Amino acid sequence: MTGTLLVRDGVLWSDGARLAGDAVLVVDGRIRALGDGDVLAARDDAAGAQMVDAAGGLVHPSFADAHVHTAMGGLESIGLDVSGAHGAEACLARVAAYAAEQDGPWIVGGGWHMADHPGGTPTAAALDAVTGDVPAFLVNADHHGAWVNTAALRAAGIDASTPDPEDGRIERDAAGNPTGTLHEGAMSLVSAHLPTRTDDELRAGLAAGADALLRAGVTAWQEAIVGDYGGHVDASPTYGDLIEGGVLAARVSGALWVPRDVTLDTVPAVVADLARRRDRDAARGFDTATVKIMVDGVAENRTAALAEPYLVDGCDCAVDGDGDGRGIAYFGRDVLFAVAAAAAAEGFALHFHAIGDRAVTDALDAVEALPAAVRGRRRHHIAHVQVVDPVDVPRFAALGVTVNMQALWACSSAQVTELTLPILGARRAAWQYPFGSFLRAGAALAMGSDWPVSTYDPWQAIHVAVTRQAPGSDAEPLLPDEALPLDVALRAYTAGSHRLLGLGGEGGSGTLEVGARADVCVASRDPFAGDPRDIASTRTAVTVLDGRIVHREAAAPAAP
């Protein structure tokens, strides 16, 4: 029993449409009634209700984040977080300040932006100047590369003779010496030497991440990598601790990481281990009935898998054995198909990371190869979808694959204009983030933030989905024909993501309707009433989970 709550004087919206009335009555965690506030307040079951004045703001179903790294983001937010530093000097200044205050054996942090450094590859020498002989490991904002200093290279034994791993690349100078940037799988050469996080640190990090999401109106999410990756450890024991301790106030699930070193021979054993871990997690209340398959890397460091080569003279980016400059496909198609088939047969949903057009095609082909009965058991989805061959757009709807959008990226930025567009070329640049095309083709749409790669605030991402411009930017919209209407974007981040995570349906969450779970947000304003360029100014003023207020924005101080 959670009592009674009455939200009044709001603009009610749900599942793509405005609703009649201005109030929501919640009783014992369920929506009891929708309608006129005065009428609902007079009902017997509203007696003694806790009141929330929406003050004309939008009242909508809570957000669900279909692709987020909550534990990773939380840990980084309470440690060395340089994501708010823009420019190499500002980043180094923040690292220097942190280094001056800590005496641990390593300096570990993250969030630096590739566009702040020439070619997107900062150097060990620059980091040495502020870290000295203490080894330092800083993952970048997209978490597909790391910046390390000379001491870290030395600690890991990396020098000119060290070969590139099959799933990554060591940035080198003309003589072959490592320069300080490690791409993709090369990160693990150093991250394997990082100090082990304590249980208290892991719990504090996850708690901080969960609190940030709840303050943003996100009451449900999928942890997009559950396993050891990029210097971060498997978060499932920590989730289990917080869930069993009644500390975690959210509806959470996780996607178990499929290791990149799987082979055809080891697929059965790998999937059996994933099933064992799923069952162990379920016993502690943590749903990990999804597997995460990272098909490729990212475009800006030339590791996204493309169907045709990058436009780079002498490109050294193809390290998947074919030597043709098309980036990295982490799995051969035979292994990818085998992993997808075995996992789906075991009852897992498939959550693919696919950035390049070749990766998107391969992921769709892997789903299409599943027996129809197996394919339809769970909701499979492909996240990121940056470069998509137009031929593949209608296949999402045809195969029942959900588009898991990270919409904040679908705009012009320094990283896009300086690092990505020049190596994609005009034809493929026109295939980026085709959200409008997906909508017109009838695909199911969901949204996720990929925090800490980008902000966890859904309203920022929705702003970009609608305007194809970064918040506060006057830059030309990126492919404006691919913009989404506001009601579609908001529906994707609410009903669409709740359904993808298995939380929707009758009596579930993601909609405002009588009998549904009372997972509700009150926004600071009505974004439908103003200029689309103001969407990003919208804040979550109140978050309600299961009928309980779990976040309430402090009232502004009275004017003197």
Protein backbone atom coordinates (compact mmCIF):
# COMPACT_ATOMS: atom_id res chain seq x y z
CA MET A 1 0.00 0.00 0.00
CA THR A 2 1.49 3.31 -1.07
CA GLY A 3 -1.40 5.67 -0.30
CA THR A 4 -3.17 8.18 -2.48
CA LEU A 5 -1.78 10.84 -4.76
CA LEU A 6 -3.58 13.48 -6.80
CA VAL A 7 -1.77 15.37 -9.55
CA ARG A 8 -3.77 18.48 -10.57
CA ASP A 9 -3.70 21.31 -13.10
CA GLY A 10 -1.63 19.49 -15.66
CA VAL A 11 -1.72 18.87 -19.40
CA LEU A 12 -2.28 15.12 -19.64
CA TRP A 13 -0.49 13.23 -22.42
CA SER A 14 -0.06 9.53 -23.11
CA ASP A 15 1.01 7.21 -25.93
CA GLY A 16 1.05 9.89 -28.63
CA ALA A 17 -2.05 11.90 -27.72
CA ARG A 18 -3.31 14.57 -25.35
CA LEU A 19 -5.95 13.32 -22.92
CA ALA A 20 -9.07 15.04 -21.63
CA GLY A 21 -8.98 16.48 -18.15
CA ASP A 22 -6.18 17.91 -16.06
CA ALA A 23 -5.69 15.46 -13.18
CA VAL A 24 -4.50 11.96 -12.32
CA LEU A 25 -5.69 10.11 -9.22
CA VAL A 26 -3.38 7.38 -7.94
CA VAL A 27 -4.34 4.83 -5.31
CA ASP A 28 -2.01 2.10 -4.04
CA GLY A 29 0.43 2.38 -6.91
CA ARG A 30 -2.17 2.28 -9.70
CA ILE A 31 -3.92 4.98 -11.71
CA ARG A 32 -7.44 5.00 -10.34
CA ALA A 33 -8.90 7.83 -12.43
CA LEU A 34 -8.13 10.51 -15.03
CA GLY A 35 -10.16 13.68 -15.46
CA ASP A 36 -11.10 17.00 -13.91
CA GLY A 37 -9.12 17.80 -10.78
CA ASP A 38 -12.02 19.19 -8.79
CA VAL A 39 -14.15 16.15 -9.54
CA LEU A 40 -11.41 13.70 -8.65
CA ALA A 41 -10.58 15.59 -5.45
CA ALA A 42 -14.19 15.18 -4.33
CA ARG A 43 -14.12 11.38 -4.70
CA ASP A 44 -14.12 9.25 -1.58
CA ASP A 45 -10.98 7.43 -2.65
CA ALA A 46 -9.13 10.78 -2.92
CA ALA A 47 -9.61 11.53 0.76
CA GLY A 48 -6.34 12.53 2.36
CA ALA A 49 -4.48 12.37 -0.93
CA GLN A 50 -1.01 13.87 -1.28
CA MET A 51 -1.34 16.77 -3.73
CA VAL A 52 0.95 17.69 -6.61
CA ASP A 53 0.29 20.95 -8.46
CA ALA A 54 1.49 20.47 -12.04
CA ALA A 55 1.07 24.23 -12.64
CA GLY A 56 0.22 23.71 -16.31
CA GLY A 57 3.13 21.40 -16.99
CA LEU A 58 2.91 18.22 -19.01
CA VAL A 59 1.85 15.15 -17.05
CA HIS A 60 3.03 12.05 -18.90
CA PRO A 61 4.10 8.45 -18.38
CA SER A 62 7.59 8.14 -16.96
CA PHE A 63 10.57 7.61 -19.24
CA ALA A 64 12.25 4.26 -19.78
CA ASP A 65 15.85 4.26 -20.98
CA ALA A 66 16.37 1.31 -23.31
CA HIS A 67 20.16 1.63 -23.48
CA VAL A 68 22.11 3.11 -20.58
CA HIS A 69 25.21 2.33 -18.51
CA THR A 70 23.93 3.41 -15.12
CA ALA A 71 26.61 1.77 -13.01
CA MET A 72 29.39 3.07 -15.25
CA GLY A 73 27.92 6.57 -15.40
CA GLY A 74 27.39 6.71 -11.66
CA LEU A 75 30.95 5.65 -10.89
CA GLU A 76 32.37 8.20 -13.29
CA SER A 77 30.12 10.95 -11.92
CA ILE A 78 31.54 10.58 -8.41
CA GLY A 79 35.15 10.22 -9.57
CA LEU A 80 37.26 11.95 -12.20
CA ASP A 81 34.58 13.09 -14.65
CA VAL A 82 35.93 15.34 -17.40
CA SER A 83 32.82 15.22 -19.59
CA GLY A 84 31.96 18.81 -18.66
CA ALA A 85 35.37 20.09 -19.72
CA HIS A 86 35.47 21.31 -23.31
CA GLY A 87 38.81 21.85 -24.95
CA ALA A 88 42.11 20.09 -24.29
CA GLU A 89 43.33 22.69 -21.80
CA ALA A 90 40.16 22.54 -19.70
CA CYS A 91 40.29 18.76 -19.70
CA LEU A 92 43.93 18.67 -18.61
CA ALA A 93 43.25 21.27 -15.92
CA ARG A 94 40.53 19.07 -14.44
CA VAL A 95 42.83 16.04 -14.50
CA ALA A 96 45.60 18.08 -12.84
CA ALA A 97 43.27 19.22 -10.06
CA TYR A 98 42.13 15.66 -9.42
CA ALA A 99 45.70 14.30 -9.50
CA ALA A 100 46.80 16.88 -6.94
CA GLU A 101 44.17 15.68 -4.44
CA GLN A 102 44.54 11.91 -4.65
CA ASP A 103 47.35 9.57 -3.70
CA GLY A 104 46.13 6.28 -5.14
CA PRO A 105 48.23 4.00 -7.35
CA TRP A 106 46.29 4.97 -10.51
CA ILE A 107 44.38 7.96 -11.89
CA VAL A 108 41.17 6.63 -13.43
CA GLY A 109 38.36 8.62 -15.00
CA GLY A 110 36.63 9.42 -18.23
CA GLY A 111 34.50 11.60 -20.44
CA TRP A 112 37.01 13.39 -22.70
CA HIS A 113 35.79 14.45 -26.13
CA MET A 114 37.60 13.32 -29.26
CA ALA A 115 36.87 16.58 -31.08
CA ASP A 116 38.95 18.46 -28.49
CA HIS A 117 42.16 16.79 -29.70
CA PRO A 118 43.80 16.77 -33.15
CA GLY A 119 42.54 13.76 -35.06
CA GLY A 120 40.60 12.68 -31.97
CA THR A 121 43.76 11.11 -30.51
CA PRO A 122 45.29 12.84 -27.45
CA THR A 123 48.86 11.98 -26.49
CA ALA A 124 50.56 10.41 -23.51
CA ALA A 125 52.98 13.32 -23.45
CA ALA A 126 50.18 15.81 -22.81
CA LEU A 127 48.81 13.65 -20.00
CA ASP A 128 52.28 13.14 -18.52
CA ALA A 129 52.53 16.87 -17.88
CA VAL A 130 49.68 16.75 -15.33
CA THR A 131 49.96 13.21 -13.97
CA GLY A 132 53.71 12.66 -13.69
CA ASP A 133 54.72 9.08 -12.98
CA VAL A 134 51.31 7.96 -11.68
CA PRO A 135 49.70 5.73 -14.34
CA ALA A 136 46.52 7.24 -15.78
CA PHE A 137 43.64 5.67 -17.72
CA LEU A 138 40.87 7.94 -19.03
CA VAL A 139 38.12 6.44 -21.15
CA ASN A 140 36.66 8.79 -23.75
CA ALA A 141 33.09 10.06 -23.88
CA ASP A 142 31.93 7.34 -26.26
CA HIS A 143 33.74 4.63 -24.25
CA HIS A 144 35.30 3.16 -27.36
CA GLY A 145 38.78 4.47 -26.65
CA ALA A 146 41.10 5.42 -23.82
CA TRP A 147 43.77 8.05 -23.22
CA VAL A 148 46.73 6.77 -21.22
CA ASN A 149 50.00 8.26 -20.06
CA THR A 150 53.53 6.93 -20.37
CA ALA A 151 53.42 5.34 -16.91
CA ALA A 152 50.29 3.39 -17.87
CA LEU A 153 51.87 2.19 -21.11
CA ARG A 154 54.91 1.11 -19.13
CA ALA A 155 52.80 -0.67 -16.50
CA ALA A 156 51.04 -2.65 -19.24
CA GLY A 157 54.27 -3.37 -21.12
CA ILE A 158 53.06 -1.64 -24.29
CA ASP A 159 55.76 -0.47 -26.70
CA ALA A 160 56.50 -0.44 -30.42
CA SER A 161 56.72 -4.24 -30.48
CA THR A 162 53.25 -4.77 -28.99
CA PRO A 163 50.86 -6.04 -31.68
CA ASP A 164 47.38 -4.60 -32.09
CA PRO A 165 44.71 -6.89 -30.64
CA GLU A 166 42.25 -8.37 -33.13
CA ASP A 167 39.45 -6.17 -31.82
CA GLY A 168 41.29 -2.86 -31.46
CA ARG A 169 44.14 -0.58 -32.41
CA ILE A 170 47.02 1.15 -30.65
CA GLU A 171 47.53 4.67 -31.98
CA ARG A 172 51.18 5.02 -33.05
CA ASP A 173 53.65 7.55 -34.43
CA ALA A 174 55.59 7.12 -37.68
CA ALA A 175 58.16 4.93 -35.93
CA GLY A 176 55.48 2.62 -34.52
CA ASN A 177 55.70 3.86 -30.94
CA PRO A 178 52.40 4.06 -29.00
CA THR A 179 51.28 7.69 -28.67
CA GLY A 180 48.72 7.39 -25.87
CA THR A 181 45.35 6.58 -27.45
CA LEU A 182 43.96 3.04 -27.38
CA HIS A 183 40.98 2.15 -29.56
CA GLU A 184 38.35 -0.47 -28.75
CA GLY A 185 39.86 -3.80 -27.58
CA ALA A 186 43.28 -2.21 -27.11
CA MET A 187 41.85 -0.53 -24.00
CA SER A 188 41.91 -3.87 -22.21
CA LEU A 189 45.70 -4.02 -22.52
CA VAL A 190 45.81 -1.34 -19.82
CA SER A 191 42.43 -1.70 -18.09
CA ALA A 192 43.42 -5.22 -17.01
CA HIS A 193 45.97 -3.56 -14.69
CA LEU A 194 43.57 -1.13 -12.98
CA PRO A 195 42.94 -1.43 -9.24
CA THR A 196 39.88 -3.48 -8.32
CA ARG A 197 36.89 -1.41 -7.22
CA THR A 198 35.63 -2.12 -3.73
CA ASP A 199 32.06 -3.28 -3.15
CA ASP A 200 31.32 0.01 -1.38
CA GLU A 201 32.58 1.98 -4.39
CA LEU A 202 30.47 -0.08 -6.77
CA ARG A 203 27.33 0.33 -4.66
CA ALA A 204 27.91 4.07 -4.29
CA GLY A 205 28.40 4.44 -8.03
CA LEU A 206 25.25 2.52 -8.96
CA ALA A 207 23.22 4.40 -6.35
CA ALA A 208 24.45 7.71 -7.76
CA GLY A 209 23.57 6.63 -11.28
CA ALA A 210 20.10 5.47 -10.29
CA ASP A 211 19.44 8.73 -8.46
CA ALA A 212 20.44 10.75 -11.53
CA LEU A 213 18.04 8.80 -13.74
CA LEU A 214 15.14 9.11 -11.31
CA ARG A 215 15.69 12.87 -11.09
CA ALA A 216 15.40 12.97 -14.88
CA GLY A 217 12.09 11.07 -14.82
CA VAL A 218 13.54 7.70 -15.83
CA THR A 219 11.92 4.98 -13.72
CA ALA A 220 12.96 1.98 -15.82
CA TRP A 221 16.06 1.13 -17.77
CA GLN A 222 18.19 -1.56 -19.32
CA GLU A 223 21.83 -1.72 -18.25
CA ALA A 224 23.32 -2.09 -21.72
CA ILE A 225 26.49 -3.97 -20.75
CA VAL A 226 26.43 -6.43 -17.87
CA GLY A 227 29.95 -7.80 -17.83
CA ASP A 228 33.55 -6.64 -17.71
CA TYR A 229 34.18 -3.89 -20.28
CA GLY A 230 36.55 -0.94 -20.66
CA GLY A 231 37.88 -1.05 -17.12
CA HIS A 232 34.43 -1.48 -15.57
CA VAL A 233 33.38 -4.71 -13.90
CA ASP A 234 30.21 -6.76 -14.05
CA ALA A 235 27.51 -4.79 -12.24
CA SER A 236 25.11 -7.68 -11.67
CA PRO A 237 26.30 -8.46 -8.11
CA THR A 238 25.89 -4.79 -7.21
CA TYR A 239 22.40 -4.67 -8.72
CA GLY A 240 21.53 -7.78 -6.75
CA ASP A 241 22.78 -6.19 -3.53
CA LEU A 242 20.74 -3.01 -4.02
CA ILE A 243 17.61 -4.85 -5.15
CA GLU A 244 17.68 -7.34 -2.26
CA GLY A 245 18.39 -4.50 0.15
CA GLY A 246 15.37 -2.56 -1.09
CA VAL A 247 17.62 0.36 -1.99
CA LEU A 248 17.03 0.51 -5.74
CA ALA A 249 13.75 2.26 -6.54
CA ALA A 250 13.35 1.50 -10.24
CA ARG A 251 12.38 -1.18 -12.72
CA VAL A 252 15.65 -2.48 -14.09
CA SER A 253 16.95 -5.10 -16.47
CA GLY A 254 20.34 -5.85 -17.94
CA ALA A 255 21.89 -7.12 -21.16
CA LEU A 256 24.60 -9.74 -20.59
CA TRP A 257 27.77 -8.98 -22.54
CA VAL A 258 28.71 -11.51 -25.24
CA PRO A 259 32.53 -11.76 -25.20
CA ARG A 260 34.29 -10.88 -28.43
CA ASP A 261 36.54 -13.91 -28.33
CA VAL A 262 33.69 -16.38 -28.86
CA THR A 263 34.21 -18.87 -31.68
CA LEU A 264 31.93 -21.33 -33.44
CA ASP A 265 33.26 -24.07 -31.20
CA THR A 266 32.68 -22.11 -27.99
CA VAL A 267 29.20 -20.74 -28.78
CA PRO A 268 27.35 -23.50 -26.86
CA ALA A 269 29.49 -23.04 -23.75
CA VAL A 270 29.26 -19.24 -23.88
CA VAL A 271 25.46 -19.28 -24.18
CA ALA A 272 25.18 -21.90 -21.43
CA ASP A 273 27.19 -19.59 -19.16
CA LEU A 274 24.96 -16.64 -20.08
CA ALA A 275 21.91 -18.72 -19.16
CA ARG A 276 23.49 -19.68 -15.84
CA ARG A 277 24.19 -16.03 -15.06
CA ARG A 278 20.64 -15.05 -16.09
CA ASP A 279 19.16 -17.58 -13.69
CA ARG A 280 21.51 -16.49 -10.89
CA ASP A 281 20.58 -12.83 -11.42
CA ALA A 282 16.86 -13.62 -11.58
CA ALA A 283 17.06 -15.28 -8.18
CA ARG A 284 18.20 -11.91 -6.79
CA GLY A 285 15.48 -9.94 -8.62
CA PHE A 286 17.66 -8.66 -11.48
CA ASP A 287 16.30 -9.46 -14.95
CA THR A 288 19.15 -10.25 -17.37
CA ALA A 289 17.14 -12.14 -20.00
CA THR A 290 18.78 -10.07 -22.75
CA VAL A 291 22.20 -10.45 -24.36
CA LYS A 292 24.30 -7.57 -25.66
CA ILE A 293 26.05 -8.20 -28.97
CA MET A 294 28.43 -5.43 -29.99
CA VAL A 295 28.64 -5.91 -33.75
CA ASP A 296 31.12 -3.09 -34.49
CA GLY A 297 32.82 0.01 -33.08
CA VAL A 298 32.16 3.69 -33.81
CA ALA A 299 32.59 5.83 -36.90
CA GLU A 300 34.77 8.61 -35.49
CA ASN A 301 37.70 6.28 -34.81
CA ARG A 302 37.06 4.28 -38.00
CA THR A 303 36.01 1.09 -36.21
CA ALA A 304 32.33 1.09 -37.25
CA ALA A 305 31.78 -1.67 -39.82
CA LEU A 306 31.00 -0.20 -43.25
CA ALA A 307 30.02 -1.98 -46.45
CA GLU A 308 32.56 0.10 -48.39
CA PRO A 309 35.92 1.53 -47.21
CA TYR A 310 36.33 4.73 -45.24
CA LEU A 311 37.49 7.69 -47.27
CA VAL A 312 40.93 7.84 -45.68
CA ASP A 313 44.16 7.60 -47.65
CA GLY A 314 46.15 4.66 -46.39
CA CYS A 315 43.51 3.84 -43.80
CA ASP A 316 44.84 1.38 -41.23
CA CYS A 317 41.45 0.90 -39.61
CA ALA A 318 40.53 -2.56 -40.86
CA VAL A 319 41.80 -4.97 -38.24
CA ASP A 320 39.25 -7.73 -38.78
CA GLY A 321 41.51 -9.60 -41.16
CA ASP A 322 40.23 -8.41 -44.50
CA GLY A 323 42.54 -5.39 -44.75
CA ASP A 324 40.12 -3.42 -46.89
CA GLY A 325 39.56 -0.32 -44.75
CA ARG A 326 35.95 -1.08 -43.79
CA GLY A 327 36.37 -0.93 -40.03
CA ILE A 328 35.85 -3.68 -37.48
CA ALA A 329 33.23 -6.39 -37.45
CA TYR A 330 33.79 -8.01 -34.07
CA PHE A 331 32.24 -11.28 -35.15
CA GLY A 332 32.38 -13.11 -38.45
CA ARG A 333 28.90 -13.54 -39.89
CA ASP A 334 28.98 -17.26 -39.11
CA VAL A 335 29.79 -16.63 -35.46
CA LEU A 336 27.30 -13.75 -35.20
CA PHE A 337 24.51 -15.91 -36.63
CA ALA A 338 25.43 -18.82 -34.34
CA VAL A 339 25.50 -16.65 -31.20
CA ALA A 340 22.18 -14.99 -32.09
CA ALA A 341 20.52 -18.33 -32.85
CA ALA A 342 21.75 -20.06 -29.70
CA ALA A 343 20.87 -17.12 -27.44
CA ALA A 344 17.41 -16.66 -28.95
CA ALA A 345 16.72 -20.40 -28.66
CA GLU A 346 17.67 -20.14 -24.98
CA GLY A 347 15.00 -17.46 -24.56
CA PHE A 348 17.18 -14.35 -24.62
CA ALA A 349 16.20 -11.08 -26.30
CA LEU A 350 18.95 -9.80 -28.62
CA HIS A 351 20.27 -6.27 -28.05
CA PHE A 352 22.68 -5.34 -30.84
CA HIS A 353 25.11 -2.41 -30.98
CA ALA A 354 25.38 -1.45 -34.65
CA ILE A 355 26.81 1.84 -35.91
CA GLY A 356 27.94 1.22 -39.49
CA ASP A 357 25.77 0.13 -42.40
CA ARG A 358 27.50 -3.26 -42.64
CA ALA A 359 26.91 -3.86 -38.93
CA VAL A 360 23.21 -2.97 -39.24
CA THR A 361 22.84 -5.32 -42.20
CA ASP A 362 24.62 -8.14 -40.36
CA ALA A 363 22.43 -7.71 -37.27
CA LEU A 364 19.25 -7.75 -39.34
CA ASP A 365 20.47 -10.78 -41.26
CA ALA A 366 21.16 -12.59 -37.99
CA VAL A 367 17.59 -11.96 -36.83
CA GLU A 368 16.15 -12.92 -40.20
CA ALA A 369 18.05 -16.23 -40.03
CA LEU A 370 16.22 -17.18 -36.81
CA PRO A 371 13.30 -19.60 -37.11
CA ALA A 372 10.11 -17.55 -37.17
CA ALA A 373 8.82 -19.14 -33.96
CA VAL A 374 12.03 -18.27 -32.11
CA ARG A 375 12.28 -14.79 -33.62
CA GLY A 376 8.90 -13.77 -32.26
CA ARG A 377 9.42 -14.90 -28.67
CA ARG A 378 11.23 -11.80 -27.48
CA ARG A 379 11.66 -8.17 -28.49
CA HIS A 380 14.94 -7.88 -30.38
CA HIS A 381 16.43 -4.44 -30.94
CA ILE A 382 19.31 -2.67 -32.62
CA ALA A 383 20.81 0.33 -30.85
CA HIS A 384 22.54 3.39 -32.34
CA VAL A 385 21.82 2.80 -36.08
CA GLN A 386 24.00 5.69 -37.18
CA VAL A 387 24.60 4.76 -40.82
CA VAL A 388 21.80 2.69 -42.36
CA ASP A 389 21.56 1.64 -45.98
CA PRO A 390 18.08 2.75 -47.14
CA VAL A 391 17.47 -0.80 -48.34
CA ASP A 392 17.58 -1.95 -44.72
CA VAL A 393 15.13 0.61 -43.32
CA PRO A 394 11.92 -1.36 -44.07
CA ARG A 395 13.46 -4.59 -42.79
CA PHE A 396 13.11 -3.45 -39.15
CA ALA A 397 9.31 -3.50 -39.34
CA ALA A 398 9.26 -6.64 -41.48
CA LEU A 399 11.38 -8.56 -38.95
CA GLY A 400 9.82 -7.04 -35.83
CA VAL A 401 13.13 -5.48 -34.77
CA THR A 402 12.80 -2.34 -32.63
CA VAL A 403 14.89 0.73 -33.46
CA ASN A 404 16.66 1.69 -30.21
CA MET A 405 17.53 5.36 -30.86
CA GLN A 406 20.18 7.44 -29.12
CA ALA A 407 18.70 10.61 -30.55
CA LEU A 408 21.04 13.14 -28.94
CA TRP A 409 23.69 12.23 -31.51
CA ALA A 410 21.53 13.06 -34.54
CA CYS A 411 22.78 16.62 -34.99
CA SER A 412 25.78 18.52 -36.26
CA SER A 413 28.66 18.70 -33.79
CA ALA A 414 32.40 19.15 -33.96
CA GLN A 415 32.85 15.40 -33.72
CA VAL A 416 30.48 14.82 -36.63
CA THR A 417 31.75 17.58 -38.89
CA GLU A 418 35.47 17.20 -38.17
CA LEU A 419 35.92 13.48 -37.56
CA THR A 420 32.98 11.59 -39.07
CA LEU A 421 31.66 13.28 -42.20
CA PRO A 422 35.06 13.50 -43.95
CA ILE A 423 35.58 9.75 -43.70
CA LEU A 424 32.01 8.76 -44.58
CA GLY A 425 31.54 10.89 -47.68
CA ALA A 426 28.38 12.60 -48.90
CA ARG A 427 26.40 9.49 -49.87
CA ARG A 428 26.74 7.72 -46.52
CA ALA A 429 26.48 10.99 -44.60
CA ALA A 430 22.93 11.21 -45.95
CA TRP A 431 22.10 7.85 -44.36
CA GLN A 432 22.71 8.96 -40.77
CA TYR A 433 20.13 8.39 -38.04
CA PRO A 434 17.16 7.90 -40.40
CA PHE A 435 14.53 8.19 -37.68
CA GLY A 436 11.89 9.75 -39.91
CA SER A 437 12.39 7.00 -42.48
CA PHE A 438 11.98 4.36 -39.79
CA LEU A 439 8.72 6.00 -38.71
CA ARG A 440 7.39 6.13 -42.26
CA ALA A 441 8.34 2.47 -42.74
CA GLY A 442 6.34 1.44 -39.69
CA ALA A 443 9.21 0.38 -37.40
CA ALA A 444 8.73 0.18 -33.65
CA LEU A 445 10.68 3.00 -31.98
CA ALA A 446 12.29 3.16 -28.55
CA MET A 447 14.88 5.48 -27.05
CA GLY A 448 17.87 5.30 -24.77
CA SER A 449 20.53 7.73 -23.67
CA ASP A 450 23.73 5.61 -23.68
CA TRP A 451 24.77 7.65 -20.64
CA PRO A 452 27.60 8.36 -19.79
CA VAL A 453 28.36 8.60 -23.51
CA SER A 454 25.78 11.39 -23.56
CA THR A 455 23.39 13.00 -21.10
CA TYR A 456 20.80 10.90 -19.28
CA ASP A 457 18.22 13.73 -19.62
CA PRO A 458 15.49 12.52 -22.01
CA TRP A 459 14.33 16.03 -22.88
CA GLN A 460 17.71 16.84 -24.42
CA ALA A 461 17.51 13.80 -26.69
CA ILE A 462 13.89 14.49 -27.58
CA HIS A 463 14.89 18.05 -28.52
CA VAL A 464 17.40 16.68 -31.05
CA ALA A 465 14.99 14.05 -32.37
CA VAL A 466 12.50 16.82 -33.17
CA THR A 467 14.83 19.60 -34.36
CA ARG A 468 17.93 17.65 -35.52
CA GLN A 469 19.90 20.39 -33.80
CA ALA A 470 21.87 20.32 -30.57
CA PRO A 471 20.20 22.23 -27.71
CA GLY A 472 21.10 25.90 -28.00
CA SER A 473 22.69 25.47 -31.41
CA ASP A 474 21.95 27.52 -34.52
CA ALA A 475 23.75 25.05 -36.79
CA GLU A 476 21.95 23.69 -39.80
CA PRO A 477 19.75 20.73 -38.85
CA LEU A 478 21.27 17.36 -39.68
CA LEU A 479 19.06 15.82 -42.38
CA PRO A 480 15.85 17.58 -41.27
CA ASP A 481 13.66 15.17 -43.24
CA GLU A 482 14.63 12.56 -40.67
CA ALA A 483 13.19 14.58 -37.75
CA LEU A 484 10.39 13.12 -35.65
CA PRO A 485 7.23 14.88 -34.48
CA LEU A 486 7.33 15.65 -30.76
CA ASP A 487 4.52 13.26 -29.93
CA VAL A 488 6.34 10.42 -31.72
CA ALA A 489 9.66 11.13 -30.00
CA LEU A 490 8.04 11.35 -26.57
CA ARG A 491 6.07 8.18 -27.24
CA ALA A 492 9.31 6.36 -28.14
CA TYR A 493 10.95 7.38 -24.85
CA THR A 494 7.88 6.41 -22.81
CA ALA A 495 5.51 3.76 -24.18
CA GLY A 496 7.98 2.53 -26.80
CA SER A 497 10.81 1.87 -24.36
CA HIS A 498 8.54 0.48 -21.64
CA ARG A 499 7.14 -2.01 -24.15
CA LEU A 500 10.58 -2.94 -25.43
CA LEU A 501 11.69 -3.71 -21.87
CA GLY A 502 8.62 -5.88 -21.31
CA LEU A 503 6.96 -3.44 -18.93
CA GLY A 504 4.05 -2.28 -21.07
CA GLY A 505 0.74 -3.86 -21.87
CA GLU A 506 -2.43 -3.99 -19.80
CA GLY A 507 -1.73 -2.98 -16.24
CA GLY A 508 1.90 -2.20 -17.06
CA SER A 509 3.81 1.06 -17.26
CA GLY A 510 4.44 3.54 -20.05
CA THR A 511 0.90 4.89 -20.42
CA LEU A 512 -1.59 6.96 -18.49
CA GLU A 513 -4.71 4.83 -18.27
CA VAL A 514 -6.92 3.51 -15.53
CA GLY A 515 -5.36 0.41 -14.02
CA ALA A 516 -1.83 1.12 -15.24
CA ARG A 517 1.12 1.32 -12.90
CA ALA A 518 1.47 4.83 -11.54
CA ASP A 519 4.88 5.60 -13.04
CA VAL A 520 4.30 9.23 -13.92
CA CYS A 521 6.25 12.43 -14.55
CA VAL A 522 5.30 16.06 -14.21
CA ALA A 523 7.29 18.32 -16.53
CA SER A 524 8.22 21.90 -15.71
CA ARG A 525 6.29 23.15 -18.77
CA ASP A 526 4.21 22.00 -21.71
CA PRO A 527 6.70 21.46 -24.55
CA PHE A 528 3.89 21.15 -27.07
CA ALA A 529 2.86 24.76 -26.41
CA GLY A 530 6.11 26.48 -27.36
CA ASP A 531 8.77 26.66 -30.03
CA PRO A 532 10.43 23.27 -30.70
CA ARG A 533 13.77 25.00 -30.12
CA ASP A 534 12.73 25.35 -26.47
CA ILE A 535 12.10 21.63 -25.85
CA ALA A 536 15.49 21.24 -24.17
CA SER A 537 14.49 23.78 -21.50
CA THR A 538 11.91 21.29 -20.21
CA ARG A 539 12.78 19.66 -16.89
CA THR A 540 11.28 16.82 -14.91
CA ALA A 541 9.77 18.53 -11.87
CA VAL A 542 8.26 15.43 -10.25
CA THR A 543 8.92 11.72 -10.73
CA VAL A 544 6.37 9.21 -9.45
CA LEU A 545 7.25 5.51 -9.30
CA ASP A 546 4.64 2.99 -8.25
CA GLY A 547 2.55 5.81 -6.82
CA ARG A 548 5.37 7.23 -4.69
CA ILE A 549 7.13 10.53 -5.31
CA VAL A 550 10.80 9.63 -5.76
CA HIS A 551 11.92 13.04 -7.02
CA ARG A 552 10.46 16.50 -6.49
CA GLU A 553 12.20 19.60 -7.73
CA ALA A 554 12.81 22.12 -4.97
CA ALA A 555 10.59 25.15 -5.16
CA ALA A 556 12.24 28.32 -6.38
CA PRO A 557 13.00 30.75 -3.55
CA ALA A 558 10.50 33.54 -3.11
CA ALA A 559 11.43 36.88 -4.62
CA PRO A 560 12.73 39.41 -2.04
